[in-house]
All heavy atoms as atom14 arrays in JSON, in Angstrom:
{
  "sequence": "QTRFKKALEQVQRKYDYCIIDNAPDINISTINALVAADDVLVPV",
  "atom14_mask": [
    [1, 1, 1, 1, 1, 1, 1, 1, 1, 0, 0, 0, 0, 0],
    [1, 1, 1, 1, 1, 1, 1, 0, 0, 0, 0, 0, 0, 0],
    [1, 1, 1, 1, 1, 1, 1, 1, 1, 1, 1, 0, 0, 0],
    [1, 1, 1, 1, 1, 1, 1, 1, 1, 1, 1, 0, 0, 0],
    [1, 1, 1, 1, 1, 1, 1, 1, 1, 0, 0, 0, 0, 0],
    [1, 1, 1, 1, 1, 1, 1, 1, 1, 0, 0, 0, 0, 0],
    [1, 1, 1, 1, 1, 0, 0, 0, 0, 0, 0, 0, 0, 0],
    [1, 1, 1, 1, 1, 1, 1, 1, 0, 0, 0, 0, 0, 0],
    [1, 1, 1, 1, 1, 1, 1, 1, 1, 0, 0, 0, 0, 0],
    [1, 1, 1, 1, 1, 1, 1, 1, 1, 0, 0, 0, 0, 0],
    [1, 1, 1, 1, 1, 1, 1, 0, 0, 0, 0, 0, 0, 0],
    [1, 1, 1, 1, 1, 1, 1, 1, 1, 0, 0, 0, 0, 0],
    [1, 1, 1, 1, 1, 1, 1, 1, 1, 1, 1, 0, 0, 0],
    [1, 1, 1, 1, 1, 1, 1, 1, 1, 0, 0, 0, 0, 0],
    [1, 1, 1, 1, 1, 1, 1, 1, 1, 1, 1, 1, 0, 0],
    [1, 1, 1, 1, 1, 1, 1, 1, 0, 0, 0, 0, 0, 0],
    [1, 1, 1, 1, 1, 1, 1, 1, 1, 1, 1, 1, 0, 0],
    [1, 1, 1, 1, 1, 1, 0, 0, 0, 0, 0, 0, 0, 0],
    [1, 1, 1, 1, 1, 1, 1, 1, 0, 0, 0, 0, 0, 0],
    [1, 1, 1, 1, 1, 1, 1, 1, 0, 0, 0, 0, 0, 0],
    [1, 1, 1, 1, 1, 1, 1, 1, 0, 0, 0, 0, 0, 0],
    [1, 1, 1, 1, 1, 1, 1, 1, 0, 0, 0, 0, 0, 0],
    [1, 1, 1, 1, 1, 0, 0, 0, 0, 0, 0, 0, 0, 0],
    [1, 1, 1, 1, 1, 1, 1, 0, 0, 0, 0, 0, 0, 0],
    [1, 1, 1, 1, 1, 1, 1, 1, 0, 0, 0, 0, 0, 0],
    [1, 1, 1, 1, 1, 1, 1, 1, 0, 0, 0, 0, 0, 0],
    [1, 1, 1, 1, 1, 1, 1, 1, 0, 0, 0, 0, 0, 0],
    [1, 1, 1, 1, 1, 1, 1, 1, 0, 0, 0, 0, 0, 0],
    [1, 1, 1, 1, 1, 1, 0, 0, 0, 0, 0, 0, 0, 0],
    [1, 1, 1, 1, 1, 1, 1, 0, 0, 0, 0, 0, 0, 0],
    [1, 1, 1, 1, 1, 1, 1, 1, 0, 0, 0, 0, 0, 0],
    [1, 1, 1, 1, 1, 1, 1, 1, 0, 0, 0, 0, 0, 0],
    [1, 1, 1, 1, 1, 0, 0, 0, 0, 0, 0, 0, 0, 0],
    [1, 1, 1, 1, 1, 1, 1, 1, 0, 0, 0, 0, 0, 0],
    [1, 1, 1, 1, 1, 1, 1, 0, 0, 0, 0, 0, 0, 0],
    [1, 1, 1, 1, 1, 0, 0, 0, 0, 0, 0, 0, 0, 0],
    [1, 1, 1, 1, 1, 0, 0, 0, 0, 0, 0, 0, 0, 0],
    [1, 1, 1, 1, 1, 1, 1, 1, 0, 0, 0, 0, 0, 0],
    [1, 1, 1, 1, 1, 1, 1, 1, 0, 0, 0, 0, 0, 0],
    [1, 1, 1, 1, 1, 1, 1, 0, 0, 0, 0, 0, 0, 0],
    [1, 1, 1, 1, 1, 1, 1, 1, 0, 0, 0, 0, 0, 0],
    [1, 1, 1, 1, 1, 1, 1, 0, 0, 0, 0, 0, 0, 0],
    [1, 1, 1, 1, 1, 1, 1, 0, 0, 0, 0, 0, 0, 0],
    [1, 1, 1, 1, 1, 1, 1, 0, 0, 0, 0, 0, 0, 0]
  ],
  "atom14_positions": [
    [[8.87, 4.59, 6.55], [8.42, 3.56, 5.64], [7.03, 2.96, 6.03], [6.48, 2.18, 5.29], [9.41, 2.42, 5.53], [10.78, 2.86, 5.01], [11.75, 3.05, 6.14], [11.33, 3.31, 7.28], [13.02, 2.87, 5.85], [0.0, 0.0, 0.0], [0.0, 0.0, 0.0], [0.0, 0.0, 0.0], [0.0, 0.0, 0.0], [0.0, 0.0, 0.0]],
    [[6.56, 3.26, 7.22], [5.38, 2.57, 7.76], [4.13, 3.44, 7.92], [3.18, 3.13, 8.6], [5.72, 1.96, 9.12], [6.12, 3.0, 10.05], [6.79, 0.88, 8.99], [0.0, 0.0, 0.0], [0.0, 0.0, 0.0], [0.0, 0.0, 0.0], [0.0, 0.0, 0.0], [0.0, 0.0, 0.0], [0.0, 0.0, 0.0], [0.0, 0.0, 0.0]],
    [[4.15, 4.6, 7.26], [3.06, 5.56, 7.5], [1.73, 5.08, 6.86], [0.68, 5.23, 7.45], [3.53, 6.91, 6.93], [4.72, 7.42, 7.66], [5.1, 8.82, 7.4], [6.34, 9.18, 8.1], [6.81, 10.42, 8.22], [6.18, 11.44, 7.63], [7.94, 10.64, 8.88], [0.0, 0.0, 0.0], [0.0, 0.0, 0.0], [0.0, 0.0, 0.0]],
    [[1.79, 4.48, 5.65], [0.58, 3.9, 5.07], [0.07, 2.78, 5.96], [-1.16, 2.72, 6.27], [0.89, 3.3, 3.68], [0.78, 4.27, 2.55], [0.63, 5.67, 2.78], [0.83, 3.85, 1.23], [0.59, 6.54, 1.74], [0.74, 4.73, 0.19], [0.63, 6.07, 0.4], [0.0, 0.0, 0.0], [0.0, 0.0, 0.0], [0.0, 0.0, 0.0]],
    [[0.98, 1.95, 6.38], [0.55, 0.78, 7.17], [-0.13, 1.15, 8.47], [-1.21, 0.65, 8.82], [1.74, -0.12, 7.47], [1.45, -1.41, 8.23], [2.66, -2.25, 8.4], [2.32, -3.58, 9.09], [3.51, -4.43, 9.3], [0.0, 0.0, 0.0], [0.0, 0.0, 0.0], [0.0, 0.0, 0.0], [0.0, 0.0, 0.0], [0.0, 0.0, 0.0]],
    [[0.43, 2.14, 9.15], [-0.17, 2.58, 10.39], [-1.53, 3.24, 10.16], [-2.47, 3.03, 10.97], [0.73, 3.53, 11.14], [2.0, 2.84, 11.7], [2.87, 3.76, 12.49], [2.21, 4.23, 13.78], [2.11, 3.08, 14.72], [0.0, 0.0, 0.0], [0.0, 0.0, 0.0], [0.0, 0.0, 0.0], [0.0, 0.0, 0.0], [0.0, 0.0, 0.0]],
    [[-1.62, 4.04, 9.11], [-2.9, 4.75, 8.8], [-3.95, 3.73, 8.42], [-5.11, 3.87, 8.88], [-2.68, 5.76, 7.7], [0.0, 0.0, 0.0], [0.0, 0.0, 0.0], [0.0, 0.0, 0.0], [0.0, 0.0, 0.0], [0.0, 0.0, 0.0], [0.0, 0.0, 0.0], [0.0, 0.0, 0.0], [0.0, 0.0, 0.0], [0.0, 0.0, 0.0]],
    [[-3.61, 2.7, 7.67], [-4.6, 1.75, 7.2], [-5.11, 0.82, 8.32], [-6.15, 0.19, 8.15], [-4.04, 0.9, 6.05], [-3.87, 1.64, 4.7], [-3.19, 0.75, 3.74], [-5.2, 2.15, 4.19], [0.0, 0.0, 0.0], [0.0, 0.0, 0.0], [0.0, 0.0, 0.0], [0.0, 0.0, 0.0], [0.0, 0.0, 0.0], [0.0, 0.0, 0.0]],
    [[-4.44, 0.8, 9.44], [-4.91, 0.02, 10.58], [-6.29, 0.5, 11.04], [-7.07, -0.24, 11.61], [-3.93, 0.08, 11.73], [-2.63, -0.68, 11.49], [-1.59, -0.47, 12.55], [-1.84, 0.36, 13.45], [-0.51, -1.08, 12.49], [0.0, 0.0, 0.0], [0.0, 0.0, 0.0], [0.0, 0.0, 0.0], [0.0, 0.0, 0.0], [0.0, 0.0, 0.0]],
    [[-6.59, 1.83, 10.75], [-7.83, 2.39, 11.16], [-9.03, 1.77, 10.41], [-10.16, 1.8, 10.87], [-7.87, 3.92, 10.89], [-6.84, 4.67, 11.67], [-6.81, 6.17, 11.23], [-7.87, 6.76, 10.97], [-5.67, 6.7, 11.1], [0.0, 0.0, 0.0], [0.0, 0.0, 0.0], [0.0, 0.0, 0.0], [0.0, 0.0, 0.0], [0.0, 0.0, 0.0]],
    [[-8.77, 1.23, 9.2], [-9.89, 0.75, 8.37], [-9.79, -0.7, 8.05], [-10.43, -1.22, 7.13], [-10.0, 1.58, 7.08], [-10.4, 3.03, 7.36], [-8.7, 1.52, 6.25], [0.0, 0.0, 0.0], [0.0, 0.0, 0.0], [0.0, 0.0, 0.0], [0.0, 0.0, 0.0], [0.0, 0.0, 0.0], [0.0, 0.0, 0.0], [0.0, 0.0, 0.0]],
    [[-9.0, -1.44, 8.84], [-8.82, -2.86, 8.56], [-10.14, -3.67, 8.55], [-10.3, -4.64, 7.83], [-7.9, -3.48, 9.59], [-6.42, -3.23, 9.35], [-5.9, -3.96, 8.13], [-6.33, -5.08, 7.81], [-4.95, -3.36, 7.43], [0.0, 0.0, 0.0], [0.0, 0.0, 0.0], [0.0, 0.0, 0.0], [0.0, 0.0, 0.0], [0.0, 0.0, 0.0]],
    [[-11.08, -3.24, 9.4], [-12.36, -3.94, 9.51], [-13.46, -3.3, 8.7], [-14.56, -3.85, 8.62], [-12.77, -4.02, 11.01], [-11.85, -4.84, 11.83], [-12.29, -4.92, 13.27], [-11.38, -5.69, 14.1], [-11.35, -7.04, 14.14], [-12.2, -7.73, 13.43], [-10.49, -7.65, 14.94], [0.0, 0.0, 0.0], [0.0, 0.0, 0.0], [0.0, 0.0, 0.0]],
    [[-13.16, -2.17, 8.05], [-14.17, -1.48, 7.25], [-14.19, -1.97, 5.81], [-15.24, -1.96, 5.15], [-13.96, 0.01, 7.32], [-15.01, 0.83, 6.53], [-14.81, 2.32, 6.69], [-15.87, 3.09, 5.91], [-15.65, 4.57, 5.98], [0.0, 0.0, 0.0], [0.0, 0.0, 0.0], [0.0, 0.0, 0.0], [0.0, 0.0, 0.0], [0.0, 0.0, 0.0]],
    [[-13.02, -2.39, 5.28], [-12.92, -2.74, 3.86], [-12.45, -4.21, 3.74], [-11.75, -4.74, 4.59], [-11.93, -1.84, 3.14], [-12.37, -0.38, 3.05], [-11.91, 0.55, 3.99], [-13.26, 0.04, 2.07], [-12.38, 1.85, 3.92], [-13.73, 1.35, 2.03], [-13.24, 2.27, 2.94], [-13.64, 3.54, 2.9], [0.0, 0.0, 0.0], [0.0, 0.0, 0.0]],
    [[-12.85, -4.82, 2.62], [-12.36, -6.12, 2.27], [-11.01, -6.05, 1.54], [-10.14, -6.88, 1.74], [-13.4, -6.86, 1.42], [-14.72, -7.04, 2.15], [-14.74, -7.69, 3.22], [-15.74, -6.47, 1.65], [0.0, 0.0, 0.0], [0.0, 0.0, 0.0], [0.0, 0.0, 0.0], [0.0, 0.0, 0.0], [0.0, 0.0, 0.0], [0.0, 0.0, 0.0]],
    [[-10.95, -5.07, 0.63], [-9.75, -4.92, -0.19], [-9.33, -3.46, -0.25], [-10.15, -2.55, -0.27], [-9.98, -5.43, -1.63], [-9.94, -6.94, -1.68], [-11.14, -7.64, -1.6], [-8.77, -7.66, -1.84], [-11.14, -9.03, -1.65], [-8.75, -9.02, -1.88], [-9.95, -9.73, -1.79], [-9.97, -11.11, -1.82], [0.0, 0.0, 0.0], [0.0, 0.0, 0.0]],
    [[-8.02, -3.27, -0.34], [-7.41, -1.94, -0.61], [-6.47, -2.11, -1.8], [-5.63, -2.95, -1.76], [-6.68, -1.44, 0.61], [-5.71, 0.08, 0.37], [0.0, 0.0, 0.0], [0.0, 0.0, 0.0], [0.0, 0.0, 0.0], [0.0, 0.0, 0.0], [0.0, 0.0, 0.0], [0.0, 0.0, 0.0], [0.0, 0.0, 0.0], [0.0, 0.0, 0.0]],
    [[-6.72, -1.32, -2.81], [-5.85, -1.32, -4.05], [-5.02, -0.01, -4.03], [-5.6, 1.07, -3.86], [-6.72, -1.39, -5.27], [-7.69, -2.51, -5.27], [-5.8, -1.49, -6.53], [-7.08, -3.89, -5.19], [0.0, 0.0, 0.0], [0.0, 0.0, 0.0], [0.0, 0.0, 0.0], [0.0, 0.0, 0.0], [0.0, 0.0, 0.0], [0.0, 0.0, 0.0]],
    [[-3.71, -0.15, -4.15], [-2.84, 1.01, -4.18], [-2.29, 1.12, -5.58], [-1.58, 0.25, -6.08], [-1.69, 0.93, -3.17], [-2.27, 0.64, -1.77], [-0.88, 2.19, -3.18], [-1.18, 0.48, -0.71], [0.0, 0.0, 0.0], [0.0, 0.0, 0.0], [0.0, 0.0, 0.0], [0.0, 0.0, 0.0], [0.0, 0.0, 0.0], [0.0, 0.0, 0.0]],
    [[-2.6, 2.25, -6.29], [-2.06, 2.58, -7.62], [-0.8, 3.38, -7.38], [-0.83, 4.53, -6.89], [-3.07, 3.37, -8.41], [-2.56, 3.82, -9.72], [-1.78, 3.06, -10.33], [-2.9, 4.92, -10.17], [0.0, 0.0, 0.0], [0.0, 0.0, 0.0], [0.0, 0.0, 0.0], [0.0, 0.0, 0.0], [0.0, 0.0, 0.0], [0.0, 0.0, 0.0]],
    [[0.35, 2.83, -7.8], [1.65, 3.48, -7.5], [2.23, 4.15, -8.75], [1.98, 3.8, -9.86], [2.63, 2.39, -7.02], [2.26, 1.89, -5.66], [2.45, 2.55, -4.63], [1.68, 0.65, -5.63], [0.0, 0.0, 0.0], [0.0, 0.0, 0.0], [0.0, 0.0, 0.0], [0.0, 0.0, 0.0], [0.0, 0.0, 0.0], [0.0, 0.0, 0.0]],
    [[3.07, 5.16, -8.47], [3.82, 5.83, -9.53], [4.85, 4.91, -10.15], [5.3, 3.96, -9.44], [4.48, 7.08, -8.94], [0.0, 0.0, 0.0], [0.0, 0.0, 0.0], [0.0, 0.0, 0.0], [0.0, 0.0, 0.0], [0.0, 0.0, 0.0], [0.0, 0.0, 0.0], [0.0, 0.0, 0.0], [0.0, 0.0, 0.0], [0.0, 0.0, 0.0]],
    [[5.27, 5.15, -11.37], [6.3, 4.35, -12.0], [7.69, 4.72, -11.45], [8.55, 5.25, -12.17], [6.16, 4.63, -13.44], [5.61, 6.05, -13.51], [4.72, 6.13, -12.3], [0.0, 0.0, 0.0], [0.0, 0.0, 0.0], [0.0, 0.0, 0.0], [0.0, 0.0, 0.0], [0.0, 0.0, 0.0], [0.0, 0.0, 0.0], [0.0, 0.0, 0.0]],
    [[7.88, 4.47, -10.14], [9.11, 4.95, -9.49], [9.21, 4.23, -8.15], [8.22, 3.74, -7.6], [8.97, 6.45, -9.26], [10.31, 7.09, -8.82], [11.33, 6.43, -8.9], [10.27, 8.27, -8.36], [0.0, 0.0, 0.0], [0.0, 0.0, 0.0], [0.0, 0.0, 0.0], [0.0, 0.0, 0.0], [0.0, 0.0, 0.0], [0.0, 0.0, 0.0]],
    [[10.44, 4.21, -7.61], [10.63, 3.75, -6.27], [10.95, 5.0, -5.45], [12.07, 5.53, -5.5], [11.75, 2.69, -6.1], [11.31, 1.39, -6.7], [12.12, 2.49, -4.61], [10.15, 0.72, -5.95], [0.0, 0.0, 0.0], [0.0, 0.0, 0.0], [0.0, 0.0, 0.0], [0.0, 0.0, 0.0], [0.0, 0.0, 0.0], [0.0, 0.0, 0.0]],
    [[9.95, 5.49, -4.76], [10.15, 6.66, -3.85], [9.6, 6.27, -2.48], [9.17, 5.12, -2.28], [9.5, 7.91, -4.43], [8.02, 7.68, -4.72], [7.32, 7.05, -4.0], [7.53, 8.3, -5.82], [0.0, 0.0, 0.0], [0.0, 0.0, 0.0], [0.0, 0.0, 0.0], [0.0, 0.0, 0.0], [0.0, 0.0, 0.0], [0.0, 0.0, 0.0]],
    [[9.59, 7.18, -1.57], [9.24, 6.82, -0.18], [7.75, 6.43, -0.09], [7.39, 5.58, 0.75], [9.56, 7.95, 0.77], [9.52, 7.46, 2.25], [8.74, 9.2, 0.56], [10.42, 6.31, 2.58], [0.0, 0.0, 0.0], [0.0, 0.0, 0.0], [0.0, 0.0, 0.0], [0.0, 0.0, 0.0], [0.0, 0.0, 0.0], [0.0, 0.0, 0.0]],
    [[6.86, 7.0, -0.94], [5.48, 6.61, -0.84], [5.24, 5.24, -1.47], [4.34, 4.47, -1.03], [4.57, 7.66, -1.48], [4.79, 7.82, -2.82], [0.0, 0.0, 0.0], [0.0, 0.0, 0.0], [0.0, 0.0, 0.0], [0.0, 0.0, 0.0], [0.0, 0.0, 0.0], [0.0, 0.0, 0.0], [0.0, 0.0, 0.0], [0.0, 0.0, 0.0]],
    [[5.99, 4.84, -2.54], [5.82, 3.5, -3.07], [6.44, 2.48, -2.13], [5.94, 1.36, -2.05], [6.49, 3.37, -4.48], [7.81, 3.79, -4.43], [5.73, 4.21, -5.51], [0.0, 0.0, 0.0], [0.0, 0.0, 0.0], [0.0, 0.0, 0.0], [0.0, 0.0, 0.0], [0.0, 0.0, 0.0], [0.0, 0.0, 0.0], [0.0, 0.0, 0.0]],
    [[7.5, 2.81, -1.41], [8.04, 1.9, -0.4], [6.98, 1.7, 0.7], [6.74, 0.62, 1.19], [9.36, 2.46, 0.17], [10.46, 2.39, -0.93], [9.77, 1.67, 1.44], [11.72, 3.06, -0.51], [0.0, 0.0, 0.0], [0.0, 0.0, 0.0], [0.0, 0.0, 0.0], [0.0, 0.0, 0.0], [0.0, 0.0, 0.0], [0.0, 0.0, 0.0]],
    [[6.3, 2.79, 1.06], [5.22, 2.74, 2.05], [4.16, 1.77, 1.52], [3.57, 1.01, 2.31], [4.6, 4.1, 2.29], [5.18, 4.77, 3.52], [4.63, 4.73, 4.61], [6.34, 5.38, 3.36], [0.0, 0.0, 0.0], [0.0, 0.0, 0.0], [0.0, 0.0, 0.0], [0.0, 0.0, 0.0], [0.0, 0.0, 0.0], [0.0, 0.0, 0.0]],
    [[3.84, 1.83, 0.27], [2.81, 0.99, -0.34], [3.2, -0.5, -0.25], [2.35, -1.39, 0.0], [2.5, 1.39, -1.77], [0.0, 0.0, 0.0], [0.0, 0.0, 0.0], [0.0, 0.0, 0.0], [0.0, 0.0, 0.0], [0.0, 0.0, 0.0], [0.0, 0.0, 0.0], [0.0, 0.0, 0.0], [0.0, 0.0, 0.0], [0.0, 0.0, 0.0]],
    [[4.49, -0.8, -0.47], [4.97, -2.2, -0.39], [4.95, -2.69, 1.07], [4.64, -3.83, 1.35], [6.35, -2.28, -0.98], [6.48, -2.07, -2.5], [7.94, -2.13, -2.94], [5.67, -3.19, -3.24], [0.0, 0.0, 0.0], [0.0, 0.0, 0.0], [0.0, 0.0, 0.0], [0.0, 0.0, 0.0], [0.0, 0.0, 0.0], [0.0, 0.0, 0.0]],
    [[5.31, -1.77, 1.94], [5.28, -2.18, 3.37], [3.88, -2.44, 3.86], [3.65, -3.36, 4.69], [5.95, -1.09, 4.23], [5.82, -1.39, 5.7], [7.41, -0.97, 3.9], [0.0, 0.0, 0.0], [0.0, 0.0, 0.0], [0.0, 0.0, 0.0], [0.0, 0.0, 0.0], [0.0, 0.0, 0.0], [0.0, 0.0, 0.0], [0.0, 0.0, 0.0]],
    [[2.9, -1.73, 3.3], [1.52, -1.88, 3.74], [0.79, -3.03, 3.04], [-0.23, -3.45, 3.48], [0.77, -0.56, 3.46], [0.0, 0.0, 0.0], [0.0, 0.0, 0.0], [0.0, 0.0, 0.0], [0.0, 0.0, 0.0], [0.0, 0.0, 0.0], [0.0, 0.0, 0.0], [0.0, 0.0, 0.0], [0.0, 0.0, 0.0], [0.0, 0.0, 0.0]],
    [[1.38, -3.52, 1.93], [0.68, -4.48, 1.07], [0.78, -5.92, 1.6], [1.76, -6.29, 2.22], [1.24, -4.39, -0.34], [0.0, 0.0, 0.0], [0.0, 0.0, 0.0], [0.0, 0.0, 0.0], [0.0, 0.0, 0.0], [0.0, 0.0, 0.0], [0.0, 0.0, 0.0], [0.0, 0.0, 0.0], [0.0, 0.0, 0.0], [0.0, 0.0, 0.0]],
    [[-0.21, -6.71, 1.18], [-0.13, -8.16, 1.33], [0.37, -8.74, 0.02], [1.18, -9.7, 0.02], [-1.51, -8.74, 1.62], [-2.1, -8.23, 2.94], [-1.49, -8.58, 3.97], [-3.06, -7.46, 2.88], [0.0, 0.0, 0.0], [0.0, 0.0, 0.0], [0.0, 0.0, 0.0], [0.0, 0.0, 0.0], [0.0, 0.0, 0.0], [0.0, 0.0, 0.0]],
    [[-0.09, -8.23, -1.12], [0.22, -8.75, -2.41], [0.7, -7.67, -3.4], [0.29, -6.5, -3.24], [-0.99, -9.45, -3.03], [-1.43, -10.69, -2.26], [-0.57, -11.33, -1.6], [-2.65, -11.07, -2.32], [0.0, 0.0, 0.0], [0.0, 0.0, 0.0], [0.0, 0.0, 0.0], [0.0, 0.0, 0.0], [0.0, 0.0, 0.0], [0.0, 0.0, 0.0]],
    [[1.49, -8.06, -4.38], [1.95, -7.15, -5.43], [1.56, -7.74, -6.76], [1.81, -8.92, -7.04], [3.47, -6.96, -5.37], [3.93, -6.02, -6.53], [3.93, -6.34, -4.02], [0.0, 0.0, 0.0], [0.0, 0.0, 0.0], [0.0, 0.0, 0.0], [0.0, 0.0, 0.0], [0.0, 0.0, 0.0], [0.0, 0.0, 0.0], [0.0, 0.0, 0.0]],
    [[0.97, -6.93, -7.63], [0.65, -7.3, -8.99], [1.38, -6.35, -9.94], [1.37, -5.11, -9.62], [-0.83, -7.18, -9.24], [-1.71, -8.41, -8.92], [-1.74, -8.7, -7.39], [-3.15, -8.17, -9.4], [0.0, 0.0, 0.0], [0.0, 0.0, 0.0], [0.0, 0.0, 0.0], [0.0, 0.0, 0.0], [0.0, 0.0, 0.0], [0.0, 0.0, 0.0]],
    [[1.96, -6.82, -10.97], [2.76, -6.01, -11.9], [2.19, -6.07, -13.31], [2.4, -7.1, -13.96], [4.26, -6.45, -11.88], [5.07, -5.59, -12.82], [4.79, -6.37, -10.45], [0.0, 0.0, 0.0], [0.0, 0.0, 0.0], [0.0, 0.0, 0.0], [0.0, 0.0, 0.0], [0.0, 0.0, 0.0], [0.0, 0.0, 0.0], [0.0, 0.0, 0.0]],
    [[1.59, -5.02, -13.82], [1.17, -5.01, -15.23], [2.38, -4.82, -16.14], [3.28, -3.98, -15.85], [0.2, -3.82, -15.27], [0.62, -2.91, -14.18], [1.23, -3.81, -13.12], [0.0, 0.0, 0.0], [0.0, 0.0, 0.0], [0.0, 0.0, 0.0], [0.0, 0.0, 0.0], [0.0, 0.0, 0.0], [0.0, 0.0, 0.0], [0.0, 0.0, 0.0]],
    [[2.42, -5.54, -17.28], [3.51, -5.33, -18.2], [2.93, -5.33, -19.63], [1.87, -5.91, -19.88], [4.57, -6.48, -18.12], [5.23, -6.53, -16.78], [3.94, -7.84, -18.39], [0.0, 0.0, 0.0], [0.0, 0.0, 0.0], [0.0, 0.0, 0.0], [0.0, 0.0, 0.0], [0.0, 0.0, 0.0], [0.0, 0.0, 0.0], [0.0, 0.0, 0.0]]
  ]
}
Protein backbone atom coordinates (compact mmCIF):
# COMPACT_ATOMS: atom_id res chain seq x y z
CA GLN A 1 0.00 0.00 0.00
CA THR A 2 2.94 2.39 0.37
CA ARG A 3 4.68 2.16 -2.99
CA PHE A 4 3.47 5.54 -4.30
CA LYS A 5 4.32 7.19 -1.00
CA LYS A 6 7.88 5.84 -0.91
CA ALA A 7 8.50 6.72 -4.57
CA LEU A 8 7.18 10.27 -4.16
CA GLU A 9 9.62 10.92 -1.32
CA GLN A 10 12.21 11.38 -4.09
CA VAL A 11 10.47 14.52 -5.39
CA GLN A 12 9.07 16.09 -2.22
CA ARG A 13 11.30 19.14 -2.68
CA LYS A 14 11.03 19.33 -6.48
CA TYR A 15 7.27 19.94 -6.77
CA ASP A 16 4.72 22.10 -4.97
CA TYR A 17 1.74 19.92 -5.87
CA CYS A 18 1.10 16.38 -7.04
CA ILE A 19 -2.31 15.54 -8.54
CA ILE A 20 -3.29 11.87 -8.80
CA ASP A 21 -6.02 10.99 -11.31
CA ASN A 22 -7.54 7.70 -10.12
CA ALA A 23 -9.58 5.00 -11.80
CA PRO A 24 -13.28 4.67 -10.82
CA ASP A 25 -12.42 1.72 -8.61
CA ILE A 26 -10.83 0.74 -5.33
CA ASN A 27 -7.82 -1.33 -6.31
CA ILE A 28 -4.29 -1.53 -4.95
CA SER A 29 -3.06 1.47 -6.95
CA THR A 30 -5.94 3.70 -5.79
CA ILE A 31 -5.26 2.60 -2.20
CA ASN A 32 -1.64 3.61 -2.83
CA ALA A 33 -2.89 6.99 -4.02
CA LEU A 34 -4.90 7.51 -0.82
CA VAL A 35 -1.96 6.48 1.34
CA ALA A 36 0.29 8.95 -0.50
CA ALA A 37 -2.22 11.81 -0.48
CA ASP A 38 -2.66 14.76 1.82
CA ASP A 39 -6.09 15.69 0.44
CA VAL A 40 -8.96 14.00 -1.43
CA LEU A 41 -11.30 15.78 -3.86
CA VAL A 42 -14.36 14.01 -5.26
CA PRO A 43 -16.05 15.22 -8.48
CA VAL A 44 -19.76 14.38 -8.69
